[in-house]
């Protein structure tokens, strides 16, 4: 999953089986980069069937969505995306003062 998110030419990711994101896969790997992945394009994440799941394993602040970009997730089951109440997905943060847009 990380490779697809990092590849700036990938705008659509299709899950064919259940995926669990791991802290090791999305570790912040250097002092210069505060986040594991920077998204400077719109990305659609979908699955072959609604019972395919994307488990965020409560990971937070792993991917930055640049200003005026959107991540859309549809046709899947999303689990463990947020600690506590709210509508956001803790995995994604907005760049600078930008609001995060993950739908």
C-alpha atoms as a PDB file:
ATOM      1  CA  UNK A   1       0.000   0.000   0.000  1.00  0.00           C
ATOM      2  CA  UNK A   2       2.801   2.416   0.868  1.00  0.00           C
ATOM      3  CA  UNK A   3       4.441   1.951  -2.539  1.00  0.00           C
ATOM      4  CA  UNK A   4       1.186   2.809  -4.308  1.00  0.00           C
ATOM      5  CA  UNK A   5       0.640   5.894  -2.143  1.00  0.00           C
ATOM      6  CA  UNK A   6       4.213   7.090  -2.696  1.00  0.00           C
ATOM      7  CA  UNK A   7       4.119   6.603  -6.476  1.00  0.00           C
ATOM      8  CA  UNK A   8       2.882   9.961  -7.768  1.00  0.00           C
ATOM      9  CA  UNK A   9       1.669   8.359 -11.014  1.00  0.00           C
ATOM     10  CA  UNK A  10      -0.842   6.152  -9.141  1.00  0.00           C
ATOM     11  CA  UNK A  11      -4.252   7.805  -8.823  1.00  0.00           C
ATOM     12  CA  UNK A  12      -6.382   4.676  -8.261  1.00  0.00           C
ATOM     13  CA  UNK A  13      -5.712   1.845  -5.823  1.00  0.00           C
ATOM     14  CA  UNK A  14      -7.882  -1.288  -5.959  1.00  0.00           C
ATOM     15  CA  UNK A  15      -7.837  -3.658  -2.991  1.00  0.00           C
ATOM     16  CA  UNK A  16      -8.374  -7.301  -3.927  1.00  0.00           C
ATOM     17  CA  UNK A  17      -8.072  -8.667  -0.379  1.00  0.00           C
ATOM     18  CA  UNK A  18      -8.139  -7.406   3.197  1.00  0.00           C
ATOM     19  CA  UNK A  19      -5.283  -5.006   3.988  1.00  0.00           C
ATOM     20  CA  UNK A  20      -3.955  -4.037   7.407  1.00  0.00           C
ATOM     21  CA  UNK A  21      -1.606  -1.068   7.499  1.00  0.00           C
ATOM     22  CA  UNK A  22       1.335  -1.467   9.879  1.00  0.00           C
ATOM     23  CA  UNK A  23       3.398   0.954  11.915  1.00  0.00           C
ATOM     24  CA  UNK A  24       6.564  -0.523  10.395  1.00  0.00           C
ATOM     25  CA  UNK A  25       5.331   0.109   6.858  1.00  0.00           C
ATOM     26  CA  UNK A  26       4.377   3.707   7.595  1.00  0.00           C
ATOM     27  CA  UNK A  27       7.134   4.664  10.034  1.00  0.00           C
ATOM     28  CA  UNK A  28       8.421   8.216   9.859  1.00  0.00           C
ATOM     29  CA  UNK A  29      11.826   7.289   8.505  1.00  0.00           C
ATOM     30  CA  UNK A  30      13.885  10.475   8.694  1.00  0.00           C
ATOM     31  CA  UNK A  31      14.201  13.732  10.554  1.00  0.00           C
ATOM     32  CA  UNK A  32      13.861  15.713   7.312  1.00  0.00           C
ATOM     33  CA  UNK A  33      10.479  14.170   6.509  1.00  0.00           C
ATOM     34  CA  UNK A  34       7.995  14.253   9.343  1.00  0.00           C
ATOM     35  CA  UNK A  35       5.551  11.924   7.587  1.00  0.00           C
ATOM     36  CA  UNK A  36       5.847   8.594   5.795  1.00  0.00           C
ATOM     37  CA  UNK A  37       3.939   9.620   2.643  1.00  0.00           C
ATOM     38  CA  UNK A  38       3.186  12.937   0.911  1.00  0.00           C
ATOM     39  CA  UNK A  39       0.178  12.990  -1.437  1.00  0.00           C
ATOM     40  CA  UNK A  40       0.323  15.773  -4.009  1.00  0.00           C
ATOM     41  CA  UNK A  41      -2.387  14.299  -6.217  1.00  0.00           C
ATOM     42  CA  UNK A  42      -5.982  13.100  -5.893  1.00  0.00           C
ATOM     43  CA  UNK A  43      -6.242   9.405  -5.014  1.00  0.00           C
ATOM     44  CA  UNK A  44      -9.203   7.007  -5.194  1.00  0.00           C
ATOM     45  CA  UNK A  45      -8.999   3.840  -3.101  1.00  0.00           C
ATOM     46  CA  UNK A  46     -11.593   1.169  -3.836  1.00  0.00           C
ATOM     47  CA  UNK A  47     -12.092  -2.574  -3.397  1.00  0.00           C
ATOM     48  CA  UNK A  48     -13.421  -5.356  -5.576  1.00  0.00           C
ATOM     49  CA  UNK A  49     -16.212  -5.971  -3.065  1.00  0.00           C
ATOM     50  CA  UNK A  50     -17.636  -4.084  -0.066  1.00  0.00           C
ATOM     51  CA  UNK A  51     -16.593  -6.872   2.320  1.00  0.00           C
ATOM     52  CA  UNK A  52     -12.898  -6.279   1.563  1.00  0.00           C
ATOM     53  CA  UNK A  53     -11.487  -4.327   4.491  1.00  0.00           C
ATOM     54  CA  UNK A  54      -8.853  -1.655   4.957  1.00  0.00           C
ATOM     55  CA  UNK A  55      -7.686  -1.722   8.575  1.00  0.00           C
ATOM     56  CA  UNK A  56      -5.817   1.452   9.557  1.00  0.00           C
ATOM     57  CA  UNK A  57      -4.772  -0.164  12.879  1.00  0.00           C
ATOM     58  CA  UNK A  58      -5.209   3.251  14.551  1.00  0.00           C
ATOM     59  CA  UNK A  59      -2.166   4.688  12.743  1.00  0.00           C
ATOM     60  CA  UNK A  60      -2.037   8.463  12.925  1.00  0.00           C
ATOM     61  CA  UNK A  61      -0.251  11.248  11.084  1.00  0.00           C
ATOM     62  CA  UNK A  62       1.286   8.930   8.492  1.00  0.00           C
ATOM     63  CA  UNK A  63       0.280  10.613   5.220  1.00  0.00           C
ATOM     64  CA  UNK A  64       0.068  14.284   4.313  1.00  0.00           C
ATOM     65  CA  UNK A  65      -2.586  15.372   1.838  1.00  0.00           C
ATOM     66  CA  UNK A  66      -1.339  18.509   0.078  1.00  0.00           C
ATOM     67  CA  UNK A  67      -3.636  21.518  -0.333  1.00  0.00           C
ATOM     68  CA  UNK A  68      -6.478  21.164  -2.863  1.00  0.00           C
ATOM     69  CA  UNK A  69      -6.101  17.371  -3.051  1.00  0.00           C
ATOM     70  CA  UNK A  70      -8.598  14.680  -2.038  1.00  0.00           C
ATOM     71  CA  UNK A  71      -8.418  11.034  -1.033  1.00  0.00           C
ATOM     72  CA  UNK A  72     -11.661   9.147  -1.708  1.00  0.00           C
ATOM     73  CA  UNK A  73     -12.225   5.673  -0.238  1.00  0.00           C
ATOM     74  CA  UNK A  74     -15.268   3.713  -1.398  1.00  0.00           C
ATOM     75  CA  UNK A  75     -16.788   0.233  -1.785  1.00  0.00           C
ATOM     76  CA  UNK A  76     -14.908  -1.237   1.191  1.00  0.00           C
ATOM     77  CA  UNK A  77     -15.072  -1.739   4.915  1.00  0.00           C
ATOM     78  CA  UNK A  78     -12.836   0.669   6.840  1.00  0.00           C
ATOM     79  CA  UNK A  79     -11.811  -0.227  10.373  1.00  0.00           C
ATOM     80  CA  UNK A  80      -9.718   1.242  13.183  1.00  0.00           C
ATOM     81  CA  UNK A  81      -9.360   4.562  11.354  1.00  0.00           C
ATOM     82  CA  UNK A  82      -9.751   6.870  14.344  1.00  0.00           C
ATOM     83  CA  UNK A  83      -9.239   6.917  18.085  1.00  0.00           C
ATOM     84  CA  UNK A  84     -12.199   8.575  19.743  1.00  0.00           C
ATOM     85  CA  UNK A  85     -15.245  10.241  18.225  1.00  0.00           C
ATOM     86  CA  UNK A  86     -15.212  12.178  14.982  1.00  0.00           C
ATOM     87  CA  UNK A  87     -15.407  11.906  11.224  1.00  0.00           C
ATOM     88  CA  UNK A  88     -11.768  12.117  10.152  1.00  0.00           C
ATOM     89  CA  UNK A  89      -9.244   9.401   9.439  1.00  0.00           C
ATOM     90  CA  UNK A  90      -6.266   9.843  11.785  1.00  0.00           C
ATOM     91  CA  UNK A  91      -3.890   8.356   9.180  1.00  0.00           C
ATOM     92  CA  UNK A  92      -4.148  11.510   7.028  1.00  0.00           C
ATOM     93  CA  UNK A  93      -3.174  15.074   7.917  1.00  0.00           C
ATOM     94  CA  UNK A  94      -3.394  18.302   5.931  1.00  0.00           C
ATOM     95  CA  UNK A  95      -0.237  20.088   4.790  1.00  0.00           C
ATOM     96  CA  UNK A  96       0.484  23.325   6.641  1.00  0.00           C
ATOM     97  CA  UNK A  97      -2.791  25.100   7.278  1.00  0.00           C
ATOM     98  CA  UNK A  98      -4.684  22.934   4.768  1.00  0.00           C
ATOM     99  CA  UNK A  99      -7.689  20.978   5.928  1.00  0.00           C
ATOM    100  CA  UNK A 100      -7.570  17.220   5.474  1.00  0.00           C
ATOM    101  CA  UNK A 101      -9.979  15.776   2.925  1.00  0.00           C
ATOM    102  CA  UNK A 102     -10.377  12.012   3.111  1.00  0.00           C
ATOM    103  CA  UNK A 103     -13.862  10.841   2.151  1.00  0.00           C
END
